[in-house]
Amino acid sequence: MHESNVTGKRFLAVTLLNAGITIVELIGGVASGSLALLSDAFHNLGDSVSIVLSYIAQVISKKPETHRQTFGYRRAEILSALVNAAFLLVIAVFLTIEAVRRLGHPQHVNGQLMTIVAVIGLAANFLSAYLLHSGSHESLNIKATYLHVLSDALASVAVIIAGVILIFFPLTWLDPVLTVAVAIYIAYEAWPIITQTMNILMESAPDLDYDSIKHDLLQIDGIKSIHHVHAWSVDEHRIMFSMHIICPDAKLSEIDKLYDKIDQMMLEKYHICHVTIQAECHRDDGEKMFDTHEDEQNGM
């Protein structure tokens, strides 16, 4: 795995930029009466918290395995992602409730101040994106943060457009409607992260073509059948796979060669980095691939 070009100093700079944007937009949102600007401020606040937690989790995840943490601390990043996404959902719900309340009690919005503050936020977001760009091609974690910052920039563009419109047309409904749109967008970003992290923490099976895996394994000379398959993810990058294989009686040295072929095929074709195999020769080779009630119902 490539080391990221994004240093701790750049993470710190992006964090400070986002914190600065948050403060400026909070003050500007209150002063201008713009709920949309406040929603963008909360979005940036979420990003600031996310960047800090992600960096801390990234440092923790690099700690070596121990006798108590045999898989290491890689799921620290998964827990961080779950907390960040849940926080964004709470913000989205809060903004929606406040926007609906504002629709019932319209307030004047200073479009000129709203636009000026949003332009400052846009410039800071582009600078943050520039600082993260160098590592966005090498790390999925940094790429996610990079895209998140770009999405903030797009939100700022929407606020700028609304601010310019409000300068010329005092549409009291425009600001809360834009706020609802931003809240929906935040929830849209957060929900897939929540489902993915929950699937990993619940050790759900990763999205693999199991029929294809079975077919390829049976093409390896010496494997008669496979059963008792389990697959799970330690994090979004590392897939673990365990199975029992039925093969002819052979010396342990020959089985080792078979294991090497399996490991190579699983890594190169399916990107599975860790495979645990139990070789058998006298057990019933009519057992199911997955030992579940679902297999019995589906006749697998």
Protein backbone atom coordinates (compact mmCIF):
# COMPACT_ATOMS: atom_id res chain seq x y z
CA MET A 1 0.00 0.00 0.00
CA HIS A 2 1.37 3.45 -0.91
CA GLU A 3 2.05 5.92 1.84
CA SER A 4 0.02 9.08 1.57
CA ASN A 5 1.63 12.33 0.46
CA VAL A 6 -0.66 14.20 2.86
CA THR A 7 1.29 14.94 6.03
CA GLY A 8 0.00 15.69 9.50
CA LYS A 9 0.76 19.37 8.86
CA ARG A 10 -1.55 19.41 5.86
CA PHE A 11 -4.27 17.66 7.85
CA LEU A 12 -3.84 20.35 10.51
CA ALA A 13 -4.03 23.12 7.90
CA VAL A 14 -7.24 21.68 6.41
CA THR A 15 -8.73 21.31 9.89
CA LEU A 16 -7.94 24.92 10.77
CA LEU A 17 -9.34 26.12 7.44
CA ASN A 18 -12.60 24.22 8.01
CA ALA A 19 -12.83 25.47 11.58
CA GLY A 20 -12.27 29.01 10.32
CA ILE A 21 -14.96 28.61 7.66
CA THR A 22 -17.35 27.29 10.30
CA ILE A 23 -16.83 30.29 12.58
CA VAL A 24 -17.16 32.81 9.73
CA GLU A 25 -20.32 31.14 8.37
CA LEU A 26 -21.89 30.82 11.83
CA ILE A 27 -21.38 34.54 12.46
CA GLY A 28 -22.44 35.42 8.91
CA GLY A 29 -25.48 33.16 9.10
CA VAL A 30 -26.71 34.74 12.33
CA ALA A 31 -25.96 38.27 11.11
CA SER A 32 -27.62 37.78 7.71
CA GLY A 33 -30.48 35.62 8.99
CA SER A 34 -29.58 32.89 6.47
CA LEU A 35 -30.42 29.37 7.58
CA ALA A 36 -28.77 28.03 4.42
CA LEU A 37 -25.50 29.66 5.46
CA LEU A 38 -25.87 28.18 8.93
CA SER A 39 -26.50 24.75 7.40
CA ASP A 40 -23.30 25.09 5.37
CA ALA A 41 -21.51 26.09 8.58
CA PHE A 42 -22.73 22.96 10.36
CA HIS A 43 -21.66 20.92 7.35
CA ASN A 44 -18.16 22.38 7.62
CA LEU A 45 -18.19 21.77 11.37
CA GLY A 46 -18.96 18.13 10.63
CA ASP A 47 -16.03 18.07 8.20
CA SER A 48 -13.68 19.54 10.82
CA VAL A 49 -14.68 16.89 13.34
CA SER A 50 -14.45 14.25 10.62
CA ILE A 51 -10.92 15.26 9.59
CA VAL A 52 -9.68 15.24 13.20
CA LEU A 53 -11.29 11.88 13.99
CA SER A 54 -10.10 10.39 10.71
CA TYR A 55 -6.52 11.44 11.36
CA ILE A 56 -6.59 10.09 14.93
CA ALA A 57 -8.20 6.85 13.75
CA GLN A 58 -5.62 6.55 10.97
CA VAL A 59 -2.79 6.82 13.52
CA ILE A 60 -4.46 4.27 15.84
CA SER A 61 -5.13 1.86 12.95
CA LYS A 62 -1.38 1.60 12.26
CA LYS A 63 -0.67 0.16 15.69
CA PRO A 64 0.64 -3.42 15.44
CA GLU A 65 -1.31 -6.55 16.32
CA THR A 66 -1.23 -7.78 19.91
CA HIS A 67 -2.31 -10.95 21.68
CA ARG A 68 -5.58 -9.19 22.53
CA GLN A 69 -6.05 -7.40 19.18
CA THR A 70 -5.00 -10.11 16.74
CA PHE A 71 -6.33 -8.14 13.76
CA GLY A 72 -4.71 -4.95 15.01
CA TYR A 73 -6.63 -1.68 15.36
CA ARG A 74 -7.75 -1.29 11.75
CA ARG A 75 -11.40 -0.93 12.68
CA ALA A 76 -10.64 2.33 14.48
CA GLU A 77 -11.18 4.02 11.11
CA ILE A 78 -14.50 2.19 10.65
CA LEU A 79 -15.72 3.36 14.06
CA SER A 80 -14.60 6.89 13.23
CA ALA A 81 -16.49 6.82 9.92
CA LEU A 82 -19.64 5.57 11.66
CA VAL A 83 -19.50 8.32 14.31
CA ASN A 84 -18.89 11.00 11.66
CA ALA A 85 -21.74 9.82 9.44
CA ALA A 86 -24.17 9.55 12.37
CA PHE A 87 -23.24 13.11 13.39
CA LEU A 88 -24.02 14.32 9.86
CA LEU A 89 -27.42 12.64 9.96
CA VAL A 90 -28.25 14.39 13.25
CA ILE A 91 -27.27 17.70 11.67
CA ALA A 92 -29.45 16.98 8.62
CA VAL A 93 -32.50 16.24 10.80
CA PHE A 94 -31.93 19.38 12.89
CA LEU A 95 -31.61 21.58 9.78
CA THR A 96 -34.75 20.13 8.21
CA ILE A 97 -36.81 20.76 11.35
CA GLU A 98 -35.51 24.31 11.60
CA ALA A 99 -36.16 24.95 7.88
CA VAL A 100 -39.77 23.76 8.16
CA ARG A 101 -40.23 26.02 11.19
CA ARG A 102 -38.72 28.93 9.24
CA LEU A 103 -41.15 28.34 6.35
CA GLY A 104 -44.00 28.91 8.79
CA HIS A 105 -42.38 32.09 10.14
CA PRO A 106 -40.49 33.73 7.21
CA GLN A 107 -37.56 35.99 8.07
CA HIS A 108 -35.71 38.61 6.08
CA VAL A 109 -32.33 37.47 4.77
CA ASN A 110 -29.45 39.83 3.94
CA GLY A 111 -28.52 38.45 0.54
CA GLN A 112 -25.43 40.62 0.13
CA LEU A 113 -23.82 39.53 3.43
CA MET A 114 -24.87 35.93 2.75
CA THR A 115 -23.10 36.03 -0.64
CA ILE A 116 -19.88 37.59 0.71
CA VAL A 117 -19.55 34.99 3.48
CA ALA A 118 -20.31 32.12 1.06
CA VAL A 119 -17.59 33.36 -1.33
CA ILE A 120 -15.06 33.30 1.55
CA GLY A 121 -16.18 29.74 2.36
CA LEU A 122 -15.83 28.70 -1.27
CA ALA A 123 -12.26 30.03 -1.47
CA ALA A 124 -11.27 28.21 1.75
CA ASN A 125 -12.84 24.96 0.54
CA PHE A 126 -10.88 25.10 -2.72
CA LEU A 127 -7.66 25.70 -0.75
CA SER A 128 -8.45 22.68 1.45
CA ALA A 129 -9.09 20.58 -1.66
CA TYR A 130 -5.70 21.67 -3.06
CA LEU A 131 -3.92 20.58 0.15
CA LEU A 132 -5.57 17.14 0.05
CA HIS A 133 -5.31 16.57 -3.70
CA SER A 134 -1.81 15.05 -3.64
CA GLY A 135 -2.93 12.11 -1.50
CA SER A 136 -6.38 11.61 -3.00
CA HIS A 137 -5.09 9.16 -5.63
CA GLU A 138 -3.28 6.91 -3.15
CA SER A 139 -5.59 6.64 -0.14
CA LEU A 140 -9.32 5.95 -0.18
CA ASN A 141 -9.60 7.58 3.24
CA ILE A 142 -8.02 10.82 2.01
CA LYS A 143 -9.94 10.62 -1.26
CA ALA A 144 -13.20 10.48 0.71
CA THR A 145 -12.17 13.56 2.70
CA TYR A 146 -11.06 15.29 -0.51
CA LEU A 147 -14.42 14.65 -2.19
CA HIS A 148 -16.20 15.76 0.97
CA VAL A 149 -14.39 19.11 0.84
CA LEU A 150 -15.30 19.47 -2.83
CA SER A 151 -18.94 18.80 -1.95
CA ASP A 152 -18.70 21.64 0.59
CA ALA A 153 -17.49 23.86 -2.20
CA LEU A 154 -20.54 22.93 -4.28
CA ALA A 155 -22.80 23.73 -1.32
CA SER A 156 -21.11 27.14 -1.06
CA VAL A 157 -21.80 27.73 -4.76
CA ALA A 158 -25.51 27.01 -4.13
CA VAL A 159 -25.55 29.47 -1.22
CA ILE A 160 -23.84 32.12 -3.39
CA ILE A 161 -26.47 31.69 -6.12
CA ALA A 162 -29.26 31.97 -3.55
CA GLY A 163 -27.62 35.04 -2.00
CA VAL A 164 -27.38 36.80 -5.37
CA ILE A 165 -31.04 36.04 -6.07
CA LEU A 166 -32.07 37.39 -2.66
CA ILE A 167 -30.24 40.66 -3.33
CA PHE A 168 -32.65 41.39 -6.17
CA PHE A 169 -35.72 39.34 -5.20
CA PRO A 170 -36.76 39.11 -1.51
CA LEU A 171 -38.03 35.52 -1.71
CA THR A 172 -38.52 34.52 1.94
CA TRP A 173 -39.04 30.84 1.05
CA LEU A 174 -35.79 30.45 -0.90
CA ASP A 175 -33.43 30.24 2.10
CA PRO A 176 -35.31 27.50 4.02
CA VAL A 177 -35.94 25.51 0.83
CA LEU A 178 -32.22 25.63 0.03
CA THR A 179 -31.54 24.52 3.61
CA VAL A 180 -33.74 21.46 3.16
CA ALA A 181 -31.90 20.68 -0.09
CA VAL A 182 -28.53 20.90 1.69
CA ALA A 183 -29.85 18.71 4.55
CA ILE A 184 -31.03 16.07 2.07
CA TYR A 185 -27.63 16.17 0.37
CA ILE A 186 -25.85 15.73 3.71
CA ALA A 187 -28.06 12.73 4.57
CA TYR A 188 -27.47 11.32 1.08
CA GLU A 189 -23.71 11.47 1.69
CA ALA A 190 -23.90 10.03 5.21
CA TRP A 191 -26.29 7.10 4.76
CA PRO A 192 -24.09 4.90 2.50
CA ILE A 193 -21.22 5.33 4.97
CA ILE A 194 -23.45 4.20 7.83
CA THR A 195 -24.65 1.11 5.96
CA GLN A 196 -21.12 0.18 4.84
CA THR A 197 -19.60 0.59 8.30
CA MET A 198 -22.45 -1.29 9.96
CA ASN A 199 -22.02 -4.16 7.48
CA ILE A 200 -18.32 -4.33 8.34
CA LEU A 201 -18.90 -4.17 12.10
CA MET A 202 -21.64 -6.84 11.84
CA GLU A 203 -19.19 -8.95 9.81
CA SER A 204 -21.56 -9.23 6.87
CA ALA A 205 -20.17 -11.07 3.87
CA PRO A 206 -18.40 -8.71 1.43
CA ASP A 207 -19.69 -8.36 -2.11
CA LEU A 208 -17.92 -11.24 -3.85
CA ASP A 209 -18.88 -13.53 -6.71
CA TYR A 210 -18.99 -16.75 -4.67
CA ASP A 211 -20.10 -18.90 -7.57
CA SER A 212 -17.10 -17.71 -9.57
CA ILE A 213 -14.79 -18.30 -6.59
CA LYS A 214 -16.10 -21.85 -6.24
CA HIS A 215 -15.68 -22.48 -9.97
CA ASP A 216 -12.08 -21.21 -9.97
CA LEU A 217 -11.15 -23.21 -6.88
CA LEU A 218 -12.48 -26.42 -8.38
CA GLN A 219 -10.28 -25.81 -11.44
CA ILE A 220 -7.21 -26.19 -9.22
CA ASP A 221 -5.91 -29.72 -9.45
CA GLY A 222 -6.38 -31.55 -6.15
CA ILE A 223 -9.58 -29.81 -4.93
CA LYS A 224 -12.71 -31.99 -5.13
CA SER A 225 -15.12 -29.63 -3.36
CA ILE A 226 -15.33 -26.78 -0.86
CA HIS A 227 -17.65 -26.10 2.05
CA HIS A 228 -17.99 -24.25 5.34
CA VAL A 229 -17.12 -20.91 3.72
CA HIS A 230 -16.93 -17.69 5.73
CA ALA A 231 -15.98 -14.23 4.44
CA TRP A 232 -15.82 -10.92 6.27
CA SER A 233 -14.02 -7.57 6.22
CA VAL A 234 -11.71 -6.16 8.86
CA ASP A 235 -12.00 -2.75 7.21
CA GLU A 236 -12.98 -1.47 3.77
CA HIS A 237 -9.70 -2.72 2.28
CA ARG A 238 -8.98 -6.11 3.86
CA ILE A 239 -11.16 -9.16 3.17
CA MET A 240 -10.74 -12.33 5.21
CA PHE A 241 -11.83 -15.72 3.83
CA SER A 242 -11.94 -19.16 5.43
CA MET A 243 -13.08 -22.51 4.03
CA HIS A 244 -12.76 -26.28 4.19
CA ILE A 245 -11.56 -28.10 1.07
CA ILE A 246 -11.96 -31.78 0.19
CA CYS A 247 -8.87 -33.20 -1.51
CA PRO A 248 -7.21 -36.61 -1.99
CA ASP A 249 -5.02 -37.95 0.81
CA ALA A 250 -1.55 -36.43 0.39
CA LYS A 251 1.61 -35.46 2.22
CA LEU A 252 1.58 -32.18 4.15
CA SER A 253 4.26 -30.83 1.80
CA GLU A 254 1.89 -31.38 -1.15
CA ILE A 255 -0.96 -29.66 0.69
CA ASP A 256 1.31 -26.65 1.27
CA LYS A 257 1.77 -26.31 -2.50
CA LEU A 258 -2.00 -26.47 -2.93
CA TYR A 259 -2.43 -23.72 -0.33
CA ASP A 260 0.06 -21.54 -2.20
CA LYS A 261 -1.96 -21.89 -5.44
CA ILE A 262 -5.17 -20.99 -3.62
CA ASP A 263 -3.60 -17.95 -1.89
CA GLN A 264 -2.18 -16.64 -5.16
CA MET A 265 -5.44 -17.04 -7.09
CA MET A 266 -7.59 -15.47 -4.34
CA LEU A 267 -5.26 -12.49 -4.00
CA GLU A 268 -4.69 -11.80 -7.70
CA LYS A 269 -8.26 -12.31 -8.94
CA TYR A 270 -10.44 -11.43 -5.92
CA HIS A 271 -8.09 -9.19 -3.87
CA ILE A 272 -8.60 -11.34 -0.77
CA CYS A 273 -5.53 -10.75 1.37
CA HIS A 274 -5.97 -13.45 4.01
CA VAL A 275 -7.25 -16.99 3.39
CA THR A 276 -7.55 -19.66 6.07
CA ILE A 277 -7.91 -23.19 4.67
CA GLN A 278 -8.70 -26.50 6.34
CA ALA A 279 -7.90 -29.51 4.16
CA GLU A 280 -9.94 -32.70 4.60
CA CYS A 281 -10.11 -36.01 2.76
CA HIS A 282 -12.47 -38.30 4.70
CA ARG A 283 -15.33 -35.99 5.60
CA ASP A 284 -18.59 -35.84 3.65
CA ASP A 285 -17.92 -33.76 0.56
CA GLY A 286 -21.65 -33.24 0.07
CA GLU A 287 -21.76 -30.46 2.67
CA LYS A 288 -23.04 -27.06 1.57
CA MET A 289 -20.76 -24.17 0.62
CA PHE A 290 -22.37 -22.02 3.31
CA ASP A 291 -23.55 -23.66 6.52
CA THR A 292 -26.76 -21.63 6.84
CA HIS A 293 -30.52 -22.20 6.88
CA GLU A 294 -30.71 -20.04 3.77
CA ASP A 295 -28.72 -22.63 1.82
CA GLU A 296 -31.21 -25.30 2.85
CA GLN A 297 -34.13 -23.14 1.76
CA ASN A 298 -32.49 -22.34 -1.57
CA GLY A 299 -31.39 -25.94 -2.11
CA MET A 300 -27.71 -24.97 -2.43
